Structure formats: structure tokens, C-alpha cells
Amino acid sequence: MTFLYILKIVFAVLTIITGLYSLVKPKDIKGFTGLVVDGSRGITEIRSIMGGVFIALGALPLILGDDTAYFVLGATYLVIGAIRLVSMLVDKSVERSNLISLAAEVVFGSILVI
């Protein structure tokens, strides 16, 4: 098992952890995302989208053990990063937390698509 493959596994696990955190503690993601949950509808949205999607995206490469699944996870991170960058410029939200998220998305995505 190569170091690169180990990194891919670690990134998939971190993706699952992000999803689990959103699923279990949807009201506490404000510090992580800047989102404020206002009501049960918002909680359901965070649990299902941020929780469910990230859990599935992280788990499928581990379950399938397939390079294509890791590629899809990486491509997803790169698209999220690209959209975040445009949004940061358009919405004038260039701030530390967005820069950290962008860096993580670029690093995770770049390694996962290899």
C-alpha cells in the first residue's frame, strides 16, 4: 500500500467524519461552516445534505475499493473548491475559514484524482 493510497483513505475517512458531525450535531456547525440553523427544516437539510452526502461520498470509495470512486470524491472536492473561490470573490467573503476550507478542498481533491 503506497503513501498516496493511504492519504486517499485518510481523506475518505475525514469526509465521513465531516458528514457524521453534520448528521449528529447540525446545530453546532456554525463554527465550522458559518451556517446558522433556524428551525427543524434547516436541521433536516443539514443532516441530509451535509451529513448524508458527505458520509456517502467518503464511504463509497472505502466500500468499493475502486479508483473511480476516489476520483469522484476528488472531483467533488475540486468542484466545491472552484465554486467556493468564485463565491469568495463575488460575495466578498475572503476570510480565514474560507481560505482554510479552500486549501483543504484543493489538496484533498488533487490527491484523490491522481
PDB file of N, CA and C in Angstrom:
ATOM      1  N   MET A   1       0.854  -1.174   0.000  1.00  0.00           N
ATOM      2  CA  MET A   1       0.000   0.000   0.000  1.00  0.00           C
ATOM      3  C   MET A   1       0.901   1.240   0.000  1.00  0.00           C
ATOM      4  N   THR A   2       0.687   2.120  -0.972  1.00  0.00           N
ATOM      5  CA  THR A   2       1.526   3.306  -1.112  1.00  0.00           C
ATOM      6  C   THR A   2       1.065   4.416  -0.170  1.00  0.00           C
ATOM      7  N   PHE A   3       1.953   5.376   0.058  1.00  0.00           N
ATOM      8  CA  PHE A   3       1.624   6.533   0.882  1.00  0.00           C
ATOM      9  C   PHE A   3       0.445   7.299   0.284  1.00  0.00           C
ATOM     10  N   LEU A   4       0.426   7.429  -1.041  1.00  0.00           N
ATOM     11  CA  LEU A   4      -0.659   8.125  -1.730  1.00  0.00           C
ATOM     12  C   LEU A   4      -2.000   7.438  -1.472  1.00  0.00           C
ATOM     13  N   TYR A   5      -2.012   6.128  -1.537  1.00  0.00           N
ATOM     14  CA  TYR A   5      -3.257   5.388  -1.290  1.00  0.00           C
ATOM     15  C   TYR A   5      -3.702   5.553   0.164  1.00  0.00           C
ATOM     16  N   ILE A   6      -2.761   5.574   1.087  1.00  0.00           N
ATOM     17  CA  ILE A   6      -3.092   5.799   2.498  1.00  0.00           C
ATOM     18  C   ILE A   6      -3.708   7.181   2.679  1.00  0.00           C
ATOM     19  N   LEU A   7      -3.150   8.190   1.991  1.00  0.00           N
ATOM     20  CA  LEU A   7      -3.733   9.537   2.053  1.00  0.00           C
ATOM     21  C   LEU A   7      -5.164   9.541   1.536  1.00  0.00           C
ATOM     22  N   LYS A   8      -5.418   8.829   0.453  1.00  0.00           N
ATOM     23  CA  LYS A   8      -6.769   8.754  -0.092  1.00  0.00           C
ATOM     24  C   LYS A   8      -7.731   8.156   0.929  1.00  0.00           C
ATOM     25  N   ILE A   9      -7.300   7.120   1.611  1.00  0.00           N
ATOM     26  CA  ILE A   9      -8.138   6.504   2.654  1.00  0.00           C
ATOM     27  C   ILE A   9      -8.391   7.503   3.777  1.00  0.00           C
ATOM     28  N   VAL A  10      -7.346   8.196   4.198  1.00  0.00           N
ATOM     29  CA  VAL A  10      -7.487   9.195   5.273  1.00  0.00           C
ATOM     30  C   VAL A  10      -8.468  10.282   4.856  1.00  0.00           C
ATOM     31  N   PHE A  11      -8.368  10.771   3.617  1.00  0.00           N
ATOM     32  CA  PHE A  11      -9.273  11.820   3.148  1.00  0.00           C
ATOM     33  C   PHE A  11     -10.715  11.317   3.071  1.00  0.00           C
ATOM     34  N   ALA A  12     -10.904  10.073   2.674  1.00  0.00           N
ATOM     35  CA  ALA A  12     -12.248   9.495   2.646  1.00  0.00           C
ATOM     36  C   ALA A  12     -12.805   9.408   4.069  1.00  0.00           C
ATOM     37  N   VAL A  13     -11.982   8.983   5.015  1.00  0.00           N
ATOM     38  CA  VAL A  13     -12.425   8.890   6.416  1.00  0.00           C
ATOM     39  C   VAL A  13     -12.745  10.279   6.966  1.00  0.00           C
ATOM     40  N   LEU A  14     -11.919  11.270   6.660  1.00  0.00           N
ATOM     41  CA  LEU A  14     -12.201  12.637   7.116  1.00  0.00           C
ATOM     42  C   LEU A  14     -13.503  13.166   6.522  1.00  0.00           C
ATOM     43  N   THR A  15     -13.799  12.770   5.305  1.00  0.00           N
ATOM     44  CA  THR A  15     -15.066  13.154   4.674  1.00  0.00           C
ATOM     45  C   THR A  15     -16.233  12.536   5.436  1.00  0.00           C
ATOM     46  N   ILE A  16     -16.097  11.276   5.809  1.00  0.00           N
ATOM     47  CA  ILE A  16     -17.143  10.609   6.601  1.00  0.00           C
ATOM     48  C   ILE A  16     -17.312  11.305   7.940  1.00  0.00           C
ATOM     49  N   ILE A  17     -16.214  11.642   8.590  1.00  0.00           N
ATOM     50  CA  ILE A  17     -16.279  12.312   9.900  1.00  0.00           C
ATOM     51  C   ILE A  17     -16.996  13.659   9.782  1.00  0.00           C
ATOM     52  N   THR A  18     -16.704  14.390   8.716  1.00  0.00           N
ATOM     53  CA  THR A  18     -17.406  15.657   8.474  1.00  0.00           C
ATOM     54  C   THR A  18     -18.908  15.422   8.339  1.00  0.00           C
ATOM     55  N   GLY A  19     -19.275  14.388   7.589  1.00  0.00           N
ATOM     56  CA  GLY A  19     -20.683  14.056   7.425  1.00  0.00           C
ATOM     57  C   GLY A  19     -21.324  13.629   8.735  1.00  0.00           C
ATOM     58  N   LEU A  20     -20.629  12.817   9.509  1.00  0.00           N
ATOM     59  CA  LEU A  20     -21.169  12.366  10.800  1.00  0.00           C
ATOM     60  C   LEU A  20     -21.369  13.541  11.750  1.00  0.00           C
ATOM     61  N   TYR A  21     -20.428  14.466  11.760  1.00  0.00           N
ATOM     62  CA  TYR A  21     -20.553  15.649  12.613  1.00  0.00           C
ATOM     63  C   TYR A  21     -21.800  16.448  12.218  1.00  0.00           C
ATOM     64  N   SER A  22     -21.995  16.638  10.924  1.00  0.00           N
ATOM     65  CA  SER A  22     -23.173  17.368  10.442  1.00  0.00           C
ATOM     66  C   SER A  22     -24.461  16.625  10.761  1.00  0.00           C
ATOM     67  N   LEU A  23     -24.413  15.311  10.697  1.00  0.00           N
ATOM     68  CA  LEU A  23     -25.582  14.489  10.998  1.00  0.00           C
ATOM     69  C   LEU A  23     -25.938  14.541  12.480  1.00  0.00           C
ATOM     70  N   VAL A  24     -24.954  14.381  13.333  1.00  0.00           N
ATOM     71  CA  VAL A  24     -25.187  14.263  14.775  1.00  0.00           C
ATOM     72  C   VAL A  24     -25.324  15.622  15.466  1.00  0.00           C
ATOM     73  N   LYS A  25     -24.608  16.631  15.015  1.00  0.00           N
ATOM     74  CA  LYS A  25     -24.603  17.935  15.676  1.00  0.00           C
ATOM     75  C   LYS A  25     -24.899  19.061  14.675  1.00  0.00           C
ATOM     76  N   PRO A  26     -26.061  19.020  14.044  1.00  0.00           N
ATOM     77  CA  PRO A  26     -26.349  20.020  12.999  1.00  0.00           C
ATOM     78  C   PRO A  26     -26.385  21.453  13.516  1.00  0.00           C
ATOM     79  N   LYS A  27     -26.724  21.634  14.777  1.00  0.00           N
ATOM     80  CA  LYS A  27     -26.775  22.997  15.324  1.00  0.00           C
ATOM     81  C   LYS A  27     -25.386  23.545  15.630  1.00  0.00           C
ATOM     82  N   ASP A  28     -24.394  22.665  15.704  1.00  0.00           N
ATOM     83  CA  ASP A  28     -23.046  23.087  16.076  1.00  0.00           C
ATOM     84  C   ASP A  28     -22.142  23.354  14.876  1.00  0.00           C
ATOM     85  N   ILE A  29     -22.679  23.307  13.667  1.00  0.00           N
ATOM     86  CA  ILE A  29     -21.815  23.501  12.504  1.00  0.00           C
ATOM     87  C   ILE A  29     -21.558  24.972  12.201  1.00  0.00           C
ATOM     88  N   LYS A  30     -22.167  25.877  12.971  1.00  0.00           N
ATOM     89  CA  LYS A  30     -21.954  27.300  12.722  1.00  0.00           C
ATOM     90  C   LYS A  30     -20.469  27.651  12.717  1.00  0.00           C
ATOM     91  N   GLY A  31     -19.731  27.170  13.707  1.00  0.00           N
ATOM     92  CA  GLY A  31     -18.306  27.462  13.761  1.00  0.00           C
ATOM     93  C   GLY A  31     -17.533  26.844  12.623  1.00  0.00           C
ATOM     94  N   PHE A  32     -18.047  25.765  12.091  1.00  0.00           N
ATOM     95  CA  PHE A  32     -17.385  25.024  11.020  1.00  0.00           C
ATOM     96  C   PHE A  32     -17.723  25.596   9.645  1.00  0.00           C
ATOM     97  N   THR A  33     -18.965  26.048   9.475  1.00  0.00           N
ATOM     98  CA  THR A  33     -19.427  26.490   8.157  1.00  0.00           C
ATOM     99  C   THR A  33     -19.935  27.924   8.105  1.00  0.00           C
ATOM    100  N   GLY A  34     -20.260  28.486   9.247  1.00  0.00           N
ATOM    101  CA  GLY A  34     -20.873  29.809   9.263  1.00  0.00           C
ATOM    102  C   GLY A  34     -22.380  29.755   9.111  1.00  0.00           C
ATOM    103  N   LEU A  35     -22.930  28.541   8.938  1.00  0.00           N
ATOM    104  CA  LEU A  35     -24.379  28.392   8.783  1.00  0.00           C
ATOM    105  C   LEU A  35     -25.069  28.418  10.147  1.00  0.00           C
ATOM    106  N   VAL A  36     -26.189  29.114  10.207  1.00  0.00           N
ATOM    107  CA  VAL A  36     -26.986  29.164  11.424  1.00  0.00           C
ATOM    108  C   VAL A  36     -28.284  28.405  11.157  1.00  0.00           C
ATOM    109  N   VAL A  37     -28.570  27.436  12.008  1.00  0.00           N
ATOM    110  CA  VAL A  37     -29.774  26.634  11.841  1.00  0.00           C
ATOM    111  C   VAL A  37     -30.916  27.336  12.569  1.00  0.00           C
ATOM    112  N   ASP A  38     -31.991  27.593  11.832  1.00  0.00           N
ATOM    113  CA  ASP A  38     -33.148  28.283  12.408  1.00  0.00           C
ATOM    114  C   ASP A  38     -34.401  27.458  12.162  1.00  0.00           C
ATOM    115  N   GLY A  39     -34.586  26.422  12.962  1.00  0.00           N
ATOM    116  CA  GLY A  39     -35.781  25.611  12.840  1.00  0.00           C
ATOM    117  C   GLY A  39     -35.499  24.199  12.380  1.00  0.00           C
ATOM    118  N   SER A  40     -36.526  23.372  12.514  1.00  0.00           N
ATOM    119  CA  SER A  40     -36.378  21.950  12.215  1.00  0.00           C
ATOM    120  C   SER A  40     -36.127  21.672  10.736  1.00  0.00           C
ATOM    121  N   ARG A  41     -36.646  22.486   9.852  1.00  0.00           N
ATOM    122  CA  ARG A  41     -36.419  22.293   8.409  1.00  0.00           C
ATOM    123  C   ARG A  41     -34.934  22.437   8.082  1.00  0.00           C
ATOM    124  N   GLY A  42     -34.299  23.443   8.665  1.00  0.00           N
ATOM    125  CA  GLY A  42     -32.873  23.648   8.446  1.00  0.00           C
ATOM    126  C   GLY A  42     -32.042  22.513   9.009  1.00  0.00           C
ATOM    127  N   ILE A  43     -32.435  22.005  10.168  1.00  0.00           N
ATOM    128  CA  ILE A  43     -31.726  20.872  10.773  1.00  0.00           C
ATOM    129  C   ILE A  43     -31.807  19.657   9.863  1.00  0.00           C
ATOM    130  N   THR A  44     -32.990  19.395   9.322  1.00  0.00           N
ATOM    131  CA  THR A  44     -33.165  18.262   8.411  1.00  0.00           C
ATOM    132  C   THR A  44     -32.297  18.422   7.171  1.00  0.00           C
ATOM    133  N   GLU A  45     -32.208  19.629   6.657  1.00  0.00           N
ATOM    134  CA  GLU A  45     -31.404  19.886   5.458  1.00  0.00           C
ATOM    135  C   GLU A  45     -29.920  19.638   5.728  1.00  0.00           C
ATOM    136  N   ILE A  46     -29.442  20.116   6.859  1.00  0.00           N
ATOM    137  CA  ILE A  46     -28.037  19.910   7.207  1.00  0.00           C
ATOM    138  C   ILE A  46     -27.752  18.432   7.421  1.00  0.00           C
ATOM    139  N   ARG A  47     -28.632  17.751   8.158  1.00  0.00           N
ATOM    140  CA  ARG A  47     -28.425  16.317   8.393  1.00  0.00           C
ATOM    141  C   ARG A  47     -28.408  15.537   7.077  1.00  0.00           C
ATOM    142  N   SER A  48     -29.365  15.828   6.198  1.00  0.00           N
ATOM    143  CA  SER A  48     -29.498  15.030   4.976  1.00  0.00           C
ATOM    144  C   SER A  48     -28.444  15.379   3.932  1.00  0.00           C
ATOM    145  N   ILE A  49     -28.237  16.650   3.674  1.00  0.00           N
ATOM    146  CA  ILE A  49     -27.306  17.041   2.619  1.00  0.00           C
ATOM    147  C   ILE A  49     -25.865  17.025   3.122  1.00  0.00           C
ATOM    148  N   MET A  50     -25.573  17.811   4.130  1.00  0.00           N
ATOM    149  CA  MET A  50     -24.188  17.871   4.611  1.00  0.00           C
ATOM    150  C   MET A  50     -23.786  16.577   5.316  1.00  0.00           C
ATOM    151  N   GLY A  51     -24.723  15.955   5.979  1.00  0.00           N
ATOM    152  CA  GLY A  51     -24.420  14.695   6.644  1.00  0.00           C
ATOM    153  C   GLY A  51     -24.431  13.527   5.678  1.00  0.00           C
ATOM    154  N   GLY A  52     -25.570  13.289   5.084  1.00  0.00           N
ATOM    155  CA  GLY A  52     -25.746  12.127   4.219  1.00  0.00           C
ATOM    156  C   GLY A  52     -24.843  12.106   3.008  1.00  0.00           C
ATOM    157  N   VAL A  53     -24.724  13.226   2.329  1.00  0.00           N
ATOM    158  CA  VAL A  53     -23.907  13.263   1.113  1.00  0.00           C
ATOM    159  C   VAL A  53     -22.430  13.042   1.452  1.00  0.00           C
ATOM    160  N   PHE A  54     -21.940  13.697   2.497  1.00  0.00           N
ATOM    161  CA  PHE A  54     -20.533  13.531   2.842  1.00  0.00           C
ATOM    162  C   PHE A  54     -20.239  12.124   3.364  1.00  0.00           C
ATOM    163  N   ILE A  55     -21.170  11.544   4.093  1.00  0.00           N
ATOM    164  CA  ILE A  55     -20.972  10.157   4.536  1.00  0.00           C
ATOM    165  C   ILE A  55     -20.893   9.230   3.327  1.00  0.00           C
ATOM    166  N   ALA A  56     -21.819   9.378   2.392  1.00  0.00           N
ATOM    167  CA  ALA A  56     -21.824   8.521   1.197  1.00  0.00           C
ATOM    168  C   ALA A  56     -20.577   8.736   0.344  1.00  0.00           C
ATOM    169  N   LEU A  57     -20.210   9.999   0.126  1.00  0.00           N
ATOM    170  CA  LEU A  57     -19.031  10.285  -0.701  1.00  0.00           C
ATOM    171  C   LEU A  57     -17.752   9.712  -0.100  1.00  0.00           C
ATOM    172  N   GLY A  58     -17.650   9.734   1.225  1.00  0.00           N
ATOM    173  CA  GLY A  58     -16.470   9.190   1.869  1.00  0.00           C
ATOM    174  C   GLY A  58     -16.488   7.680   1.977  1.00  0.00           C
ATOM    175  N   ALA A  59     -17.675   7.121   2.206  1.00  0.00           N
ATOM    176  CA  ALA A  59     -17.778   5.676   2.433  1.00  0.00           C
ATOM    177  C   ALA A  59     -17.667   4.856   1.147  1.00  0.00           C
ATOM    178  N   LEU A  60     -18.215   5.341   0.068  1.00  0.00           N
ATOM    179  CA  LEU A  60     -18.227   4.545  -1.161  1.00  0.00           C
ATOM    180  C   LEU A  60     -16.839   4.152  -1.668  1.00  0.00           C
ATOM    181  N   PRO A  61     -15.858   5.042  -1.672  1.00  0.00           N
ATOM    182  CA  PRO A  61     -14.534   4.580  -2.106  1.00  0.00           C
ATOM    183  C   PRO A  61     -13.979   3.471  -1.194  1.00  0.00           C
ATOM    184  N   LEU A  62     -14.259   3.571   0.105  1.00  0.00           N
ATOM    185  CA  LEU A  62     -13.772   2.553   1.035  1.00  0.00           C
ATOM    186  C   LEU A  62     -14.500   1.228   0.834  1.00  0.00           C
ATOM    187  N   ILE A  63     -15.788   1.300   0.586  1.00  0.00           N
ATOM    188  CA  ILE A  63     -16.594   0.091   0.383  1.00  0.00           C
ATOM    189  C   ILE A  63     -16.255  -0.564  -0.958  1.00  0.00           C
ATOM    190  N   LEU A  64     -16.189   0.251  -2.013  1.00  0.00           N
ATOM    191  CA  LEU A  64     -15.950  -0.282  -3.350  1.00  0.00           C
ATOM    192  C   LEU A  64     -14.476  -0.597  -3.603  1.00  0.00           C
ATOM    193  N   GLY A  65     -13.592   0.113  -2.903  1.00  0.00           N
ATOM    194  CA  GLY A  65     -12.166  -0.098  -3.121  1.00  0.00           C
ATOM    195  C   GLY A  65     -11.754   0.176  -4.552  1.00  0.00           C
ATOM    196  N   ASP A  66     -12.408   1.135  -5.156  1.00  0.00           N
ATOM    197  CA  ASP A  66     -12.249   1.390  -6.586  1.00  0.00           C
ATOM    198  C   ASP A  66     -11.639   2.770  -6.813  1.00  0.00           C
ATOM    199  N   ASP A  67     -10.660   2.847  -7.720  1.00  0.00           N
ATOM    200  CA  ASP A  67     -10.025   4.130  -8.027  1.00  0.00           C
ATOM    201  C   ASP A  67     -11.015   5.156  -8.559  1.00  0.00           C
ATOM    202  N   THR A  68     -12.018   4.700  -9.286  1.00  0.00           N
ATOM    203  CA  THR A  68     -13.016   5.619  -9.834  1.00  0.00           C
ATOM    204  C   THR A  68     -13.792   6.306  -8.719  1.00  0.00           C
ATOM    205  N   ALA A  69     -14.106   5.588  -7.659  1.00  0.00           N
ATOM    206  CA  ALA A  69     -14.832   6.185  -6.528  1.00  0.00           C
ATOM    207  C   ALA A  69     -13.978   7.247  -5.845  1.00  0.00           C
ATOM    208  N   TYR A  70     -12.679   6.987  -5.699  1.00  0.00           N
ATOM    209  CA  TYR A  70     -11.780   8.005  -5.136  1.00  0.00           C
ATOM    210  C   TYR A  70     -11.702   9.214  -6.070  1.00  0.00           C
ATOM    211  N   PHE A  71     -11.683   8.956  -7.374  1.00  0.00           N
ATOM    212  CA  PHE A  71     -11.656  10.041  -8.354  1.00  0.00           C
ATOM    213  C   PHE A  71     -12.905  10.917  -8.227  1.00  0.00           C
ATOM    214  N   VAL A  72     -14.065  10.297  -8.082  1.00  0.00           N
ATOM    215  CA  VAL A  72     -15.318  11.053  -7.938  1.00  0.00           C
ATOM    216  C   VAL A  72     -15.273  11.911  -6.678  1.00  0.00           C
ATOM    217  N   LEU A  73     -14.781  11.349  -5.576  1.00  0.00           N
ATOM    218  CA  LEU A  73     -14.651  12.125  -4.339  1.00  0.00           C
ATOM    219  C   LEU A  73     -13.708  13.307  -4.573  1.00  0.00           C
ATOM    220  N   GLY A  74     -12.592  13.067  -5.226  1.00  0.00           N
ATOM    221  CA  GLY A  74     -11.650  14.147  -5.502  1.00  0.00           C
ATOM    222  C   GLY A  74     -12.226  15.212  -6.415  1.00  0.00           C
ATOM    223  N   ALA A  75     -12.897  14.779  -7.468  1.00  0.00           N
ATOM    224  CA  ALA A  75     -13.521  15.729  -8.392  1.00  0.00           C
ATOM    225  C   ALA A  75     -14.563  16.576  -7.668  1.00  0.00           C
ATOM    226  N   THR A  76     -15.289  15.959  -6.754  1.00  0.00           N
ATOM    227  CA  THR A  76     -16.284  16.690  -5.968  1.00  0.00           C
ATOM    228  C   THR A  76     -15.609  17.773  -5.136  1.00  0.00           C
ATOM    229  N   TYR A  77     -14.510  17.423  -4.473  1.00  0.00           N
ATOM    230  CA  TYR A  77     -13.775  18.425  -3.695  1.00  0.00           C
ATOM    231  C   TYR A  77     -13.261  19.557  -4.586  1.00  0.00           C
ATOM    232  N   LEU A  78     -12.765  19.233  -5.777  1.00  0.00           N
ATOM    233  CA  LEU A  78     -12.246  20.269  -6.668  1.00  0.00           C
ATOM    234  C   LEU A  78     -13.363  21.198  -7.161  1.00  0.00           C
ATOM    235  N   VAL A  79     -14.523  20.647  -7.452  1.00  0.00           N
ATOM    236  CA  VAL A  79     -15.653  21.480  -7.878  1.00  0.00           C
ATOM    237  C   VAL A  79     -16.120  22.356  -6.719  1.00  0.00           C
ATOM    238  N   ILE A  80     -16.213  21.783  -5.525  1.00  0.00           N
ATOM    239  CA  ILE A  80     -16.583  22.584  -4.350  1.00  0.00           C
ATOM    240  C   ILE A  80     -15.578  23.725  -4.181  1.00  0.00           C
ATOM    241  N   GLY A  81     -14.285  23.423  -4.311  1.00  0.00           N
ATOM    242  CA  GLY A  81     -13.262  24.448  -4.173  1.00  0.00           C
ATOM    243  C   GLY A  81     -13.376  25.532  -5.235  1.00  0.00           C
ATOM    244  N   ALA A  82     -13.635  25.140  -6.469  1.00  0.00           N
ATOM    245  CA  ALA A  82     -13.774  26.119  -7.556  1.00  0.00           C
ATOM    246  C   ALA A  82     -14.955  27.043  -7.301  1.00  0.00           C
ATOM    247  N   ILE A  83     -16.062  26.457  -6.897  1.00  0.00           N
ATOM    248  CA  ILE A  83     -17.252  27.266  -6.615  1.00  0.00           C
ATOM    249  C   ILE A  83     -17.021  28.150  -5.403  1.00  0.00           C
ATOM    250  N   ARG A  84     -16.325  27.605  -4.383  1.00  0.00           N
ATOM    251  CA  ARG A  84     -16.019  28.408  -3.195  1.00  0.00           C
ATOM    252  C   ARG A  84     -15.172  29.621  -3.592  1.00  0.00           C
ATOM    253  N   LEU A  85     -14.149  29.409  -4.439  1.00  0.00           N
ATOM    254  CA  LEU A  85     -13.273  30.503  -4.855  1.00  0.00           C
ATOM    255  C   LEU A  85     -14.066  31.599  -5.564  1.00  0.00           C
ATOM    256  N   VAL A  86     -14.894  31.218  -6.510  1.00  0.00           N
ATOM    257  CA  VAL A  86     -15.719  32.205  -7.227  1.00  0.00           C
ATOM    258  C   VAL A  86     -16.637  32.921  -6.240  1.00  0.00           C
ATOM    259  N   SER A  87     -17.268  32.164  -5.357  1.00  0.00           N
ATOM    260  CA  SER A  87     -18.178  32.761  -4.385  1.00  0.00           C
ATOM    261  C   SER A  87     -17.450  33.705  -3.437  1.00  0.00           C
ATOM    262  N   MET A  88     -16.240  33.325  -3.023  1.00  0.00           N
ATOM    263  CA  MET A  88     -15.470  34.199  -2.137  1.00  0.00           C
ATOM    264  C   MET A  88     -15.216  35.550  -2.807  1.00  0.00           C
ATOM    265  N   LEU A  89     -14.948  35.536  -4.094  1.00  0.00           N
ATOM    266  CA  LEU A  89     -14.682  36.775  -4.813  1.00  0.00           C
ATOM    267  C   LEU A  89     -15.963  37.562  -5.074  1.00  0.00           C
ATOM    268  N   VAL A  90     -16.984  36.873  -5.553  1.00  0.00           N
ATOM    269  CA  VAL A  90     -18.255  37.535  -5.879  1.00  0.00           C
ATOM    270  C   VAL A  90     -18.946  38.067  -4.617  1.00  0.00           C
ATOM    271  N   ASP A  91     -18.942  37.249  -3.576  1.00  0.00           N
ATOM    272  CA  ASP A  91     -19.652  37.606  -2.341  1.00  0.00           C
ATOM    273  C   ASP A  91     -18.779  38.370  -1.349  1.00  0.00           C
ATOM    274  N   LYS A  92     -17.536  38.611  -1.738  1.00  0.00           N
ATOM    275  CA  LYS A  92     -16.589  39.310  -0.871  1.00  0.00           C
ATOM    276  C   LYS A  92     -16.485  38.633   0.500  1.00  0.00           C
ATOM    277  N   SER A  93     -16.256  37.317   0.454  1.00  0.00           N
ATOM    278  CA  SER A  93     -16.158  36.542   1.693  1.00  0.00           C
ATOM    279  C   SER A  93     -14.788  35.869   1.819  1.00  0.00           C
ATOM    280  N   VAL A  94     -13.762  36.619   1.417  1.00  0.00           N
ATOM    281  CA  VAL A  94     -12.399  36.106   1.564  1.00  0.00           C
ATOM    282  C   VAL A  94     -12.023  36.280   3.040  1.00  0.00           C
ATOM    283  N   GLU A  95     -12.147  35.197   3.764  1.00  0.00           N
ATOM    284  CA  GLU A  95     -11.828  35.209   5.194  1.00  0.00           C
ATOM    285  C   GLU A  95     -11.125  33.912   5.551  1.00  0.00           C
ATOM    286  N   ARG A  96     -10.537  33.898   6.708  1.00  0.00           N
ATOM    287  CA  ARG A  96      -9.682  32.792   7.129  1.00  0.00           C
ATOM    288  C   ARG A  96     -10.354  31.426   6.977  1.00  0.00           C
ATOM    289  N   SER A  97     -11.573  31.276   7.466  1.00  0.00           N
ATOM    290  CA  SER A  97     -12.234  29.964   7.423  1.00  0.00           C
ATOM    291  C   SER A  97     -12.476  29.504   5.990  1.00  0.00           C
ATOM    292  N   ASN A  98     -12.812  30.421   5.104  1.00  0.00           N
ATOM    293  CA  ASN A  98     -12.997  30.063   3.695  1.00  0.00           C
ATOM    294  C   ASN A  98     -11.673  29.694   3.044  1.00  0.00           C
ATOM    295  N   LEU A  99     -10.613  30.391   3.392  1.00  0.00           N
ATOM    296  CA  LEU A  99      -9.298  30.073   2.833  1.00  0.00           C
ATOM    297  C   LEU A  99      -8.818  28.705   3.293  1.00  0.00           C
ATOM    298  N   ILE A 100      -9.071  28.372   4.559  1.00  0.00           N
ATOM    299  CA  ILE A 100      -8.704  27.049   5.079  1.00  0.00           C
ATOM    300  C   ILE A 100      -9.500  25.970   4.362  1.00  0.00           C
ATOM    301  N   SER A 101     -10.806  26.179   4.210  1.00  0.00           N
ATOM    302  CA  SER A 101     -11.642  25.205   3.505  1.00  0.00           C
ATOM    303  C   SER A 101     -11.186  25.044   2.061  1.00  0.00           C
ATOM    304  N   LEU A 102     -10.891  26.152   1.401  1.00  0.00           N
ATOM    305  CA  LEU A 102     -10.435  26.108   0.009  1.00  0.00           C
ATOM    306  C   LEU A 102      -9.123  25.325  -0.110  1.00  0.00           C
ATOM    307  N   ALA A 103      -8.202  25.580   0.789  1.00  0.00           N
ATOM    308  CA  ALA A 103      -6.922  24.855   0.760  1.00  0.00           C
ATOM    309  C   ALA A 103      -7.144  23.358   0.940  1.00  0.00           C
ATOM    310  N   ALA A 104      -7.992  22.985   1.885  1.00  0.00           N
ATOM    311  CA  ALA A 104      -8.283  21.567   2.118  1.00  0.00           C
ATOM    312  C   ALA A 104      -8.926  20.940   0.888  1.00  0.00           C
ATOM    313  N   GLU A 105      -9.861  21.645   0.276  1.00  0.00           N
ATOM    314  CA  GLU A 105     -10.545  21.107  -0.905  1.00  0.00           C
ATOM    315  C   GLU A 105      -9.582  20.906  -2.072  1.00  0.00           C
ATOM    316  N   VAL A 106      -8.678  21.833  -2.254  1.00  0.00           N
ATOM    317  CA  VAL A 106      -7.705  21.716  -3.346  1.00  0.00           C
ATOM    318  C   VAL A 106      -6.733  20.568  -3.070  1.00  0.00           C
ATOM    319  N   VAL A 107      -6.242  20.471  -1.849  1.00  0.00           N
ATOM    320  CA  VAL A 107      -5.299  19.395  -1.509  1.00  0.00           C
ATOM    321  C   VAL A 107      -5.983  18.039  -1.591  1.00  0.00           C
ATOM    322  N   PHE A 108      -7.144  17.900  -0.911  1.00  0.00           N
ATOM    323  CA  PHE A 108      -7.873  16.622  -0.945  1.00  0.00           C
ATOM    324  C   PHE A 108      -8.195  16.245  -2.379  1.00  0.00           C
ATOM    325  N   GLY A 109      -8.793  17.197  -3.127  1.00  0.00           N
ATOM    326  CA  GLY A 109      -9.213  16.918  -4.488  1.00  0.00           C
ATOM    327  C   GLY A 109      -8.060  16.538  -5.395  1.00  0.00           C
ATOM    328  N   SER A 110      -6.963  17.274  -5.298  1.00  0.00           N
ATOM    329  CA  SER A 110      -5.798  16.999  -6.155  1.00  0.00           C
ATOM    330  C   SER A 110      -5.222  15.623  -5.910  1.00  0.00           C
ATOM    331  N   ILE A 111      -5.132  15.232  -4.662  1.00  0.00           N
ATOM    332  CA  ILE A 111      -4.574  13.907  -4.328  1.00  0.00           C
ATOM    333  C   ILE A 111      -5.540  12.798  -4.694  1.00  0.00           C
ATOM    334  N   LEU A 112      -6.821  13.010  -4.454  1.00  0.00           N
ATOM    335  CA  LEU A 112      -7.816  11.969  -4.720  1.00  0.00           C
ATOM    336  C   LEU A 112      -8.008  11.676  -6.205  1.00  0.00           C
ATOM    337  N   VAL A 113      -7.767  12.642  -7.076  1.00  0.00           N
ATOM    338  CA  VAL A 113      -7.974  12.389  -8.508  1.00  0.00           C
ATOM    339  C   VAL A 113      -6.773  11.726  -9.174  1.00  0.00           C
ATOM    340  N   ILE A 114      -5.659  11.636  -8.472  1.00  0.00           N
ATOM    341  CA  ILE A 114      -4.451  11.006  -9.033  1.00  0.00           C
ATOM    342  C   ILE A 114      -4.671   9.494  -9.130  1.00  0.00           C
TER     343      ILE A 114
END
